[in-house]
C-alpha atoms as a PDB file:
ATOM      1  CA  UNK A   1     -17.034  14.242 -22.167  1.00  0.00           C
ATOM      2  CA  UNK A   2     -20.365  13.565 -20.512  1.00  0.00           C
ATOM      3  CA  UNK A   3     -22.215  13.421 -23.840  1.00  0.00           C
ATOM      4  CA  UNK A   4     -19.651  11.044 -25.333  1.00  0.00           C
ATOM      5  CA  UNK A   5     -19.676   8.824 -22.239  1.00  0.00           C
ATOM      6  CA  UNK A   6     -23.510   8.705 -22.236  1.00  0.00           C
ATOM      7  CA  UNK A   7     -23.443   7.660 -25.897  1.00  0.00           C
ATOM      8  CA  UNK A   8     -20.796   5.017 -25.191  1.00  0.00           C
ATOM      9  CA  UNK A   9     -22.898   3.566 -22.366  1.00  0.00           C
ATOM     10  CA  UNK A  10     -25.918   3.307 -24.705  1.00  0.00           C
ATOM     11  CA  UNK A  11     -23.977   1.710 -27.560  1.00  0.00           C
ATOM     12  CA  UNK A  12     -21.979  -0.704 -25.425  1.00  0.00           C
ATOM     13  CA  UNK A  13     -25.116  -1.825 -23.611  1.00  0.00           C
ATOM     14  CA  UNK A  14     -26.940  -2.386 -26.897  1.00  0.00           C
ATOM     15  CA  UNK A  15     -24.060  -4.520 -28.175  1.00  0.00           C
ATOM     16  CA  UNK A  16     -23.576  -6.366 -24.856  1.00  0.00           C
ATOM     17  CA  UNK A  17     -19.958  -5.206 -24.759  1.00  0.00           C
ATOM     18  CA  UNK A  18     -18.759  -5.357 -21.139  1.00  0.00           C
ATOM     19  CA  UNK A  19     -16.120  -2.828 -20.054  1.00  0.00           C
ATOM     20  CA  UNK A  20     -16.057  -0.374 -17.131  1.00  0.00           C
ATOM     21  CA  UNK A  21     -14.686   2.565 -19.149  1.00  0.00           C
ATOM     22  CA  UNK A  22     -17.986   4.164 -20.294  1.00  0.00           C
ATOM     23  CA  UNK A  23     -19.613   4.171 -16.856  1.00  0.00           C
ATOM     24  CA  UNK A  24     -16.344   5.221 -15.253  1.00  0.00           C
ATOM     25  CA  UNK A  25     -15.864   8.217 -17.555  1.00  0.00           C
ATOM     26  CA  UNK A  26     -19.561   9.032 -17.356  1.00  0.00           C
ATOM     27  CA  UNK A  27     -19.213   9.213 -13.576  1.00  0.00           C
ATOM     28  CA  UNK A  28     -16.160  11.456 -13.668  1.00  0.00           C
ATOM     29  CA  UNK A  29     -17.809  13.801 -16.195  1.00  0.00           C
ATOM     30  CA  UNK A  30     -20.918  14.112 -14.053  1.00  0.00           C
ATOM     31  CA  UNK A  31     -18.879  14.831 -10.937  1.00  0.00           C
ATOM     32  CA  UNK A  32     -16.885  17.497 -12.782  1.00  0.00           C
ATOM     33  CA  UNK A  33     -20.200  19.069 -13.810  1.00  0.00           C
ATOM     34  CA  UNK A  34     -21.334  19.152 -10.175  1.00  0.00           C
ATOM     35  CA  UNK A  35     -23.724  16.175 -10.317  1.00  0.00           C
ATOM     36  CA  UNK A  36     -22.430  14.246  -7.315  1.00  0.00           C
ATOM     37  CA  UNK A  37     -25.385  11.847  -7.062  1.00  0.00           C
ATOM     38  CA  UNK A  38     -25.399  10.936 -10.755  1.00  0.00           C
ATOM     39  CA  UNK A  39     -21.629  10.698 -10.832  1.00  0.00           C
ATOM     40  CA  UNK A  40     -21.471   8.431  -7.814  1.00  0.00           C
ATOM     41  CA  UNK A  41     -24.103   6.111  -9.271  1.00  0.00           C
ATOM     42  CA  UNK A  42     -22.177   5.791 -12.548  1.00  0.00           C
ATOM     43  CA  UNK A  43     -18.915   5.211 -10.715  1.00  0.00           C
ATOM     44  CA  UNK A  44     -20.571   2.496  -8.648  1.00  0.00           C
ATOM     45  CA  UNK A  45     -21.607   0.823 -11.918  1.00  0.00           C
ATOM     46  CA  UNK A  46     -18.033   1.164 -13.150  1.00  0.00           C
ATOM     47  CA  UNK A  47     -16.742  -0.589 -10.028  1.00  0.00           C
ATOM     48  CA  UNK A  48     -19.173  -3.491 -10.517  1.00  0.00           C
ATOM     49  CA  UNK A  49     -18.283  -3.999 -14.177  1.00  0.00           C
ATOM     50  CA  UNK A  50     -14.570  -3.541 -13.501  1.00  0.00           C
ATOM     51  CA  UNK A  51     -14.650  -6.231 -10.830  1.00  0.00           C
ATOM     52  CA  UNK A  52     -16.491  -8.524 -13.238  1.00  0.00           C
ATOM     53  CA  UNK A  53     -13.870  -8.221 -15.994  1.00  0.00           C
ATOM     54  CA  UNK A  54     -10.792  -7.822 -13.763  1.00  0.00           C
ATOM     55  CA  UNK A  55      -9.977  -4.224 -14.716  1.00  0.00           C
ATOM     56  CA  UNK A  56      -8.093  -3.549 -11.502  1.00  0.00           C
ATOM     57  CA  UNK A  57      -6.802  -0.033 -12.174  1.00  0.00           C
ATOM     58  CA  UNK A  58     -10.230   1.129 -13.330  1.00  0.00           C
ATOM     59  CA  UNK A  59     -11.801  -0.328 -10.199  1.00  0.00           C
ATOM     60  CA  UNK A  60      -9.245   1.376  -7.958  1.00  0.00           C
ATOM     61  CA  UNK A  61      -9.714   4.727  -9.674  1.00  0.00           C
ATOM     62  CA  UNK A  62     -13.506   4.456  -9.593  1.00  0.00           C
ATOM     63  CA  UNK A  63     -13.389   3.689  -5.876  1.00  0.00           C
ATOM     64  CA  UNK A  64     -11.068   6.627  -5.354  1.00  0.00           C
ATOM     65  CA  UNK A  65     -13.341   8.929  -7.378  1.00  0.00           C
ATOM     66  CA  UNK A  66     -16.201   7.820  -5.141  1.00  0.00           C
ATOM     67  CA  UNK A  67     -14.069   8.717  -2.117  1.00  0.00           C
ATOM     68  CA  UNK A  68     -13.716  12.255  -3.545  1.00  0.00           C
ATOM     69  CA  UNK A  69     -17.503  12.448  -3.741  1.00  0.00           C
ATOM     70  CA  UNK A  70     -17.599  11.398  -0.097  1.00  0.00           C
ATOM     71  CA  UNK A  71     -15.160  14.194   0.790  1.00  0.00           C
ATOM     72  CA  UNK A  72     -17.401  16.693  -1.011  1.00  0.00           C
ATOM     73  CA  UNK A  73     -20.249  15.451   1.189  1.00  0.00           C
ATOM     74  CA  UNK A  74     -18.076  15.547   4.353  1.00  0.00           C
ATOM     75  CA  UNK A  75     -18.578  11.782   4.761  1.00  0.00           C
ATOM     76  CA  UNK A  76     -15.111  11.057   6.119  1.00  0.00           C
ATOM     77  CA  UNK A  77     -15.827   7.542   7.347  1.00  0.00           C
ATOM     78  CA  UNK A  78     -17.011   6.567   3.883  1.00  0.00           C
ATOM     79  CA  UNK A  79     -14.020   8.357   2.369  1.00  0.00           C
ATOM     80  CA  UNK A  80     -11.626   6.225   4.407  1.00  0.00           C
ATOM     81  CA  UNK A  81     -13.456   3.006   3.523  1.00  0.00           C
ATOM     82  CA  UNK A  82     -13.486   3.679  -0.223  1.00  0.00           C
ATOM     83  CA  UNK A  83      -9.851   4.828  -0.370  1.00  0.00           C
ATOM     84  CA  UNK A  84      -8.827   1.768   1.641  1.00  0.00           C
ATOM     85  CA  UNK A  85     -10.681  -0.484  -0.788  1.00  0.00           C
ATOM     86  CA  UNK A  86      -8.913   1.201  -3.715  1.00  0.00           C
ATOM     87  CA  UNK A  87      -5.522   0.602  -2.112  1.00  0.00           C
ATOM     88  CA  UNK A  88      -6.446  -3.045  -1.435  1.00  0.00           C
ATOM     89  CA  UNK A  89      -7.379  -3.583  -5.100  1.00  0.00           C
ATOM     90  CA  UNK A  90      -3.993  -2.305  -6.278  1.00  0.00           C
ATOM     91  CA  UNK A  91      -2.114  -4.339  -3.666  1.00  0.00           C
ATOM     92  CA  UNK A  92      -3.925  -7.595  -4.447  1.00  0.00           C
ATOM     93  CA  UNK A  93      -3.329  -7.073  -8.163  1.00  0.00           C
ATOM     94  CA  UNK A  94       0.365  -6.372  -7.571  1.00  0.00           C
ATOM     95  CA  UNK A  95       0.182  -2.983  -9.305  1.00  0.00           C
ATOM     96  CA  UNK A  96       0.892  -0.565  -6.464  1.00  0.00           C
ATOM     97  CA  UNK A  97       3.281   1.337  -8.777  1.00  0.00           C
ATOM     98  CA  UNK A  98       0.243   2.430 -10.795  1.00  0.00           C
ATOM     99  CA  UNK A  99      -0.794   5.808 -12.157  1.00  0.00           C
ATOM    100  CA  UNK A 100      -3.809   5.377  -9.838  1.00  0.00           C
ATOM    101  CA  UNK A 101      -1.594   5.330  -6.742  1.00  0.00           C
ATOM    102  CA  UNK A 102      -0.956   9.093  -6.308  1.00  0.00           C
ATOM    103  CA  UNK A 103      -4.678   9.870  -6.134  1.00  0.00           C
ATOM    104  CA  UNK A 104      -5.323   6.959  -3.749  1.00  0.00           C
ATOM    105  CA  UNK A 105      -2.464   8.108  -1.508  1.00  0.00           C
ATOM    106  CA  UNK A 106      -3.632  11.721  -1.620  1.00  0.00           C
ATOM    107  CA  UNK A 107      -7.082  10.786  -0.333  1.00  0.00           C
ATOM    108  CA  UNK A 108      -5.649   8.512   2.362  1.00  0.00           C
ATOM    109  CA  UNK A 109      -3.323  11.326   3.424  1.00  0.00           C
ATOM    110  CA  UNK A 110      -6.290  13.668   3.811  1.00  0.00           C
ATOM    111  CA  UNK A 111      -8.060  11.080   5.963  1.00  0.00           C
ATOM    112  CA  UNK A 112      -4.927  10.609   8.088  1.00  0.00           C
ATOM    113  CA  UNK A 113      -4.573  14.362   8.640  1.00  0.00           C
ATOM    114  CA  UNK A 114      -8.212  14.613   9.651  1.00  0.00           C
ATOM    115  CA  UNK A 115      -7.789  11.957  12.323  1.00  0.00           C
ATOM    116  CA  UNK A 116      -4.557  13.565  13.532  1.00  0.00           C
ATOM    117  CA  UNK A 117      -2.156  10.873  12.315  1.00  0.00           C
ATOM    118  CA  UNK A 118       0.575  13.108  10.886  1.00  0.00           C
ATOM    119  CA  UNK A 119       3.082  10.266  10.492  1.00  0.00           C
ATOM    120  CA  UNK A 120       0.655   8.265   8.331  1.00  0.00           C
ATOM    121  CA  UNK A 121      -0.149  11.360   6.288  1.00  0.00           C
ATOM    122  CA  UNK A 122       3.544  11.954   5.586  1.00  0.00           C
ATOM    123  CA  UNK A 123       4.033   8.328   4.515  1.00  0.00           C
ATOM    124  CA  UNK A 124       1.185   8.652   2.033  1.00  0.00           C
ATOM    125  CA  UNK A 125       2.634  11.933   0.758  1.00  0.00           C
ATOM    126  CA  UNK A 126       5.965  10.260   0.015  1.00  0.00           C
ATOM    127  CA  UNK A 127       4.260   7.387  -1.812  1.00  0.00           C
ATOM    128  CA  UNK A 128       2.270   9.855  -3.898  1.00  0.00           C
ATOM    129  CA  UNK A 129       5.387  11.900  -4.559  1.00  0.00           C
ATOM    130  CA  UNK A 130       7.292   8.933  -5.978  1.00  0.00           C
ATOM    131  CA  UNK A 131       4.694   8.391  -8.698  1.00  0.00           C
ATOM    132  CA  UNK A 132       3.280  11.891  -9.218  1.00  0.00           C
ATOM    133  CA  UNK A 133       5.253  12.325 -12.448  1.00  0.00           C
ATOM    134  CA  UNK A 134       3.025   9.654 -14.036  1.00  0.00           C
ATOM    135  CA  UNK A 135       0.053  12.025 -13.862  1.00  0.00           C
ATOM    136  CA  UNK A 136       0.401  14.414 -16.789  1.00  0.00           C
ATOM    137  CA  UNK A 137      -1.930  16.438 -19.008  1.00  0.00           C
ATOM    138  CA  UNK A 138      -2.649  13.161 -20.853  1.00  0.00           C
ATOM    139  CA  UNK A 139      -4.928  12.306 -17.890  1.00  0.00           C
ATOM    140  CA  UNK A 140      -5.770  15.858 -16.838  1.00  0.00           C
ATOM    141  CA  UNK A 141      -8.639  15.234 -14.426  1.00  0.00           C
ATOM    142  CA  UNK A 142      -6.662  12.648 -12.406  1.00  0.00           C
ATOM    143  CA  UNK A 143      -3.539  14.805 -12.528  1.00  0.00           C
ATOM    144  CA  UNK A 144      -5.332  17.884 -11.195  1.00  0.00           C
ATOM    145  CA  UNK A 145      -7.488  15.994  -8.687  1.00  0.00           C
ATOM    146  CA  UNK A 146      -4.481  14.284  -7.111  1.00  0.00           C
ATOM    147  CA  UNK A 147      -2.543  17.534  -6.804  1.00  0.00           C
ATOM    148  CA  UNK A 148      -5.518  19.413  -5.337  1.00  0.00           C
ATOM    149  CA  UNK A 149      -5.934  16.758  -2.641  1.00  0.00           C
ATOM    150  CA  UNK A 150      -2.190  16.798  -1.954  1.00  0.00           C
ATOM    151  CA  UNK A 151      -2.233  20.601  -1.640  1.00  0.00           C
ATOM    152  CA  UNK A 152      -4.892  20.298   1.063  1.00  0.00           C
ATOM    153  CA  UNK A 153      -2.603  17.951   2.990  1.00  0.00           C
ATOM    154  CA  UNK A 154       0.497  20.147   2.619  1.00  0.00           C
ATOM    155  CA  UNK A 155      -1.508  23.154   3.826  1.00  0.00           C
ATOM    156  CA  UNK A 156      -2.759  21.192   6.823  1.00  0.00           C
ATOM    157  CA  UNK A 157       0.859  20.314   7.661  1.00  0.00           C
ATOM    158  CA  UNK A 158       1.956  23.960   7.167  1.00  0.00           C
ATOM    159  CA  UNK A 159       4.239  22.901   4.299  1.00  0.00           C
ATOM    160  CA  UNK A 160       3.776  25.898   2.034  1.00  0.00           C
ATOM    161  CA  UNK A 161       6.738  25.097  -0.220  1.00  0.00           C
ATOM    162  CA  UNK A 162       5.265  21.706  -1.098  1.00  0.00           C
ATOM    163  CA  UNK A 163       1.802  23.203  -1.601  1.00  0.00           C
ATOM    164  CA  UNK A 164       3.122  25.941  -3.888  1.00  0.00           C
ATOM    165  CA  UNK A 165       5.070  23.473  -6.013  1.00  0.00           C
ATOM    166  CA  UNK A 166       1.905  21.464  -6.550  1.00  0.00           C
ATOM    167  CA  UNK A 167      -0.109  24.618  -7.226  1.00  0.00           C
ATOM    168  CA  UNK A 168       2.272  25.606 -10.010  1.00  0.00           C
ATOM    169  CA  UNK A 169       1.823  22.152 -11.542  1.00  0.00           C
ATOM    170  CA  UNK A 170      -1.964  22.503 -11.313  1.00  0.00           C
ATOM    171  CA  UNK A 171      -1.799  25.885 -13.019  1.00  0.00           C
ATOM    172  CA  UNK A 172       0.314  24.448 -15.847  1.00  0.00           C
ATOM    173  CA  UNK A 173      -2.108  21.533 -16.280  1.00  0.00           C
ATOM    174  CA  UNK A 174      -5.091  23.894 -16.421  1.00  0.00           C
ATOM    175  CA  UNK A 175      -3.352  26.032 -19.002  1.00  0.00           C
ATOM    176  CA  UNK A 176      -3.004  22.982 -21.236  1.00  0.00           C
ATOM    177  CA  UNK A 177      -6.380  21.444 -20.341  1.00  0.00           C
ATOM    178  CA  UNK A 178      -8.676  24.296 -19.225  1.00  0.00           C
ATOM    179  CA  UNK A 179     -12.045  22.558 -19.592  1.00  0.00           C
ATOM    180  CA  UNK A 180     -12.033  20.552 -16.370  1.00  0.00           C
ATOM    181  CA  UNK A 181     -15.314  21.697 -14.877  1.00  0.00           C
ATOM    182  CA  UNK A 182     -15.414  22.405 -11.158  1.00  0.00           C
ATOM    183  CA  UNK A 183     -11.718  21.560 -10.732  1.00  0.00           C
ATOM    184  CA  UNK A 184     -10.896  25.072 -11.994  1.00  0.00           C
ATOM    185  CA  UNK A 185     -12.931  26.570  -9.137  1.00  0.00           C
ATOM    186  CA  UNK A 186     -11.275  24.324  -6.559  1.00  0.00           C
ATOM    187  CA  UNK A 187      -7.863  25.352  -7.863  1.00  0.00           C
ATOM    188  CA  UNK A 188      -8.822  29.023  -7.738  1.00  0.00           C
ATOM    189  CA  UNK A 189      -9.879  28.725  -4.094  1.00  0.00           C
ATOM    190  CA  UNK A 190      -6.616  27.005  -3.144  1.00  0.00           C
ATOM    191  CA  UNK A 191      -4.594  29.598  -5.050  1.00  0.00           C
ATOM    192  CA  UNK A 192      -6.304  32.340  -3.047  1.00  0.00           C
ATOM    193  CA  UNK A 193      -5.534  30.559   0.239  1.00  0.00           C
ATOM    194  CA  UNK A 194      -1.890  30.200  -0.688  1.00  0.00           C
ATOM    195  CA  UNK A 195      -1.641  33.880  -1.670  1.00  0.00           C
ATOM    196  CA  UNK A 196      -2.537  34.840   1.908  1.00  0.00           C
ATOM    197  CA  UNK A 197       0.156  32.649   3.484  1.00  0.00           C
ATOM    198  CA  UNK A 198       3.777  33.681   4.006  1.00  0.00           C
ATOM    199  CA  UNK A 199       6.730  31.351   4.478  1.00  0.00           C
ATOM    200  CA  UNK A 200      10.425  32.278   4.545  1.00  0.00           C
ATOM    201  CA  UNK A 201      11.808  28.736   4.915  1.00  0.00           C
ATOM    202  CA  UNK A 202      13.882  27.192   2.119  1.00  0.00           C
ATOM    203  CA  UNK A 203      12.126  24.574  -0.064  1.00  0.00           C
ATOM    204  CA  UNK A 204      12.873  20.978   0.933  1.00  0.00           C
ATOM    205  CA  UNK A 205      12.189  17.522  -0.466  1.00  0.00           C
ATOM    206  CA  UNK A 206       8.441  18.134  -0.570  1.00  0.00           C
ATOM    207  CA  UNK A 207       9.056  20.869  -3.165  1.00  0.00           C
ATOM    208  CA  UNK A 208      10.531  18.502  -5.756  1.00  0.00           C
ATOM    209  CA  UNK A 209       8.724  19.021  -9.051  1.00  0.00           C
ATOM    210  CA  UNK A 210       7.241  16.268 -11.189  1.00  0.00           C
ATOM    211  CA  UNK A 211      10.133  16.684 -13.634  1.00  0.00           C
ATOM    212  CA  UNK A 212      12.675  16.335 -10.819  1.00  0.00           C
ATOM    213  CA  UNK A 213      10.879  13.283  -9.456  1.00  0.00           C
ATOM    214  CA  UNK A 214      11.027  11.687 -12.902  1.00  0.00           C
ATOM    215  CA  UNK A 215      14.787  12.315 -13.012  1.00  0.00           C
ATOM    216  CA  UNK A 216      15.488  11.110  -9.471  1.00  0.00           C
ATOM    217  CA  UNK A 217      15.494   7.316 -10.125  1.00  0.00           C
ATOM    218  CA  UNK A 218      17.918   7.779 -13.014  1.00  0.00           C
ATOM    219  CA  UNK A 219      20.384   9.540 -10.727  1.00  0.00           C
ATOM    220  CA  UNK A 220      20.791   6.240  -8.879  1.00  0.00           C
ATOM    221  CA  UNK A 221      21.974   4.479 -12.053  1.00  0.00           C
ATOM    222  CA  UNK A 222      25.379   4.385 -13.753  1.00  0.00           C
ATOM    223  CA  UNK A 223      24.110   6.653 -16.556  1.00  0.00           C
ATOM    224  CA  UNK A 224      25.906   9.941 -17.169  1.00  0.00           C
ATOM    225  CA  UNK A 225      23.985  13.199 -17.532  1.00  0.00           C
ATOM    226  CA  UNK A 226      24.235  13.090 -21.361  1.00  0.00           C
ATOM    227  CA  UNK A 227      22.965   9.497 -21.327  1.00  0.00           C
ATOM    228  CA  UNK A 228      20.096  10.433 -18.996  1.00  0.00           C
ATOM    229  CA  UNK A 229      19.266  13.339 -21.298  1.00  0.00           C
ATOM    230  CA  UNK A 230      19.018  10.846 -24.162  1.00  0.00           C
ATOM    231  CA  UNK A 231      16.739   8.562 -22.138  1.00  0.00           C
ATOM    232  CA  UNK A 232      14.360  11.432 -21.303  1.00  0.00           C
ATOM    233  CA  UNK A 233      14.635  13.237 -24.649  1.00  0.00           C
ATOM    234  CA  UNK A 234      15.871  16.384 -22.929  1.00  0.00           C
ATOM    235  CA  UNK A 235      18.990  18.505 -23.237  1.00  0.00           C
ATOM    236  CA  UNK A 236      22.026  17.909 -21.052  1.00  0.00           C
ATOM    237  CA  UNK A 237      21.656  21.422 -19.642  1.00  0.00           C
ATOM    238  CA  UNK A 238      18.070  20.702 -18.590  1.00  0.00           C
ATOM    239  CA  UNK A 239      19.164  17.535 -16.791  1.00  0.00           C
ATOM    240  CA  UNK A 240      22.016  19.372 -15.093  1.00  0.00           C
ATOM    241  CA  UNK A 241      19.723  22.196 -13.936  1.00  0.00           C
ATOM    242  CA  UNK A 242      17.143  19.744 -12.590  1.00  0.00           C
ATOM    243  CA  UNK A 243      19.849  17.746 -10.804  1.00  0.00           C
ATOM    244  CA  UNK A 244      21.257  20.874  -9.131  1.00  0.00           C
ATOM    245  CA  UNK A 245      17.749  21.806  -7.987  1.00  0.00           C
ATOM    246  CA  UNK A 246      17.293  18.298  -6.565  1.00  0.00           C
ATOM    247  CA  UNK A 247      20.595  18.561  -4.674  1.00  0.00           C
ATOM    248  CA  UNK A 248      19.563  21.895  -3.180  1.00  0.00           C
ATOM    249  CA  UNK A 249      16.136  20.708  -2.040  1.00  0.00           C
ATOM    250  CA  UNK A 250      17.588  17.526  -0.526  1.00  0.00           C
ATOM    251  CA  UNK A 251      20.477  19.360   1.157  1.00  0.00           C
ATOM    252  CA  UNK A 252      22.995  17.309  -0.828  1.00  0.00           C
ATOM    253  CA  UNK A 253      26.348  18.339  -2.241  1.00  0.00           C
ATOM    254  CA  UNK A 254      26.657  15.557  -4.826  1.00  0.00           C
ATOM    255  CA  UNK A 255      24.750  13.031  -6.854  1.00  0.00           C
ATOM    256  CA  UNK A 256      25.589  10.191  -4.477  1.00  0.00           C
ATOM    257  CA  UNK A 257      24.459  12.237  -1.455  1.00  0.00           C
ATOM    258  CA  UNK A 258      21.200  13.092  -3.215  1.00  0.00           C
ATOM    259  CA  UNK A 259      20.561   9.420  -3.938  1.00  0.00           C
ATOM    260  CA  UNK A 260      21.368   8.440  -0.341  1.00  0.00           C
ATOM    261  CA  UNK A 261      19.100  11.169   1.013  1.00  0.00           C
ATOM    262  CA  UNK A 262      16.289  10.128  -1.332  1.00  0.00           C
ATOM    263  CA  UNK A 263      16.531   6.565  -0.050  1.00  0.00           C
ATOM    264  CA  UNK A 264      16.385   7.787   3.553  1.00  0.00           C
ATOM    265  CA  UNK A 265      13.211   9.719   2.737  1.00  0.00           C
ATOM    266  CA  UNK A 266      11.613   6.798   0.882  1.00  0.00           C
ATOM    267  CA  UNK A 267      11.651   8.573  -2.481  1.00  0.00           C
ATOM    268  CA  UNK A 268      13.840   5.806  -3.922  1.00  0.00           C
ATOM    269  CA  UNK A 269      13.939   2.094  -3.267  1.00  0.00           C
ATOM    270  CA  UNK A 270      16.613   1.047  -0.786  1.00  0.00           C
END
């Protein structure tokens, strides 16, 4: 990834082709290889070019990636500033329902926990949860990064069920996309921390899986289970099993109760 991104930067520069993607991916690759300084410099270039051409999602993600570098350096004030800038970019562009949002929210939740604002951290967790299903193995580094940051927050809030759900998703992503540099080591360390913790409480809303979160908005429609199955290209039995799991985690006895409870929690629009 780093070699390809370096080559893209050289070729695009030679041809005066202006896009933030090469510098952005170059920065991520360097960070994943442990080169924080080089990665941050490339990401800064990506932000500048992205702002020039109006690539709002790339700018937001580059800012958020820079905030992760700041976390690695224990620069929490800088982390908060960069994550706030990323959120502002998405809001001004009117694309807050972006695939960039879960990672932005995850970082802001970590900042909120660090300053002791549990209520703000929980709000960011819910916002990340609503859109987490957008982050799949198609964008493996973002998908794993966001979940790792969210696991840190769930652990800080003593929500082991939520942390374990996310850890299982990380493990599945790494099975499909194993070559993610230092993210594998971060996941291993979190897995070891979770193995030492015990929790006998029943899983709640925070333990909803990405698949269940993708199904949840469709439960609020008029579509039947067979029709939903057709929409998602899944079997009716899969949809039924996921729906029953959603009901259990939300403490609901029916589809309508699950939808109502989801709206109360902010997982669905009112």
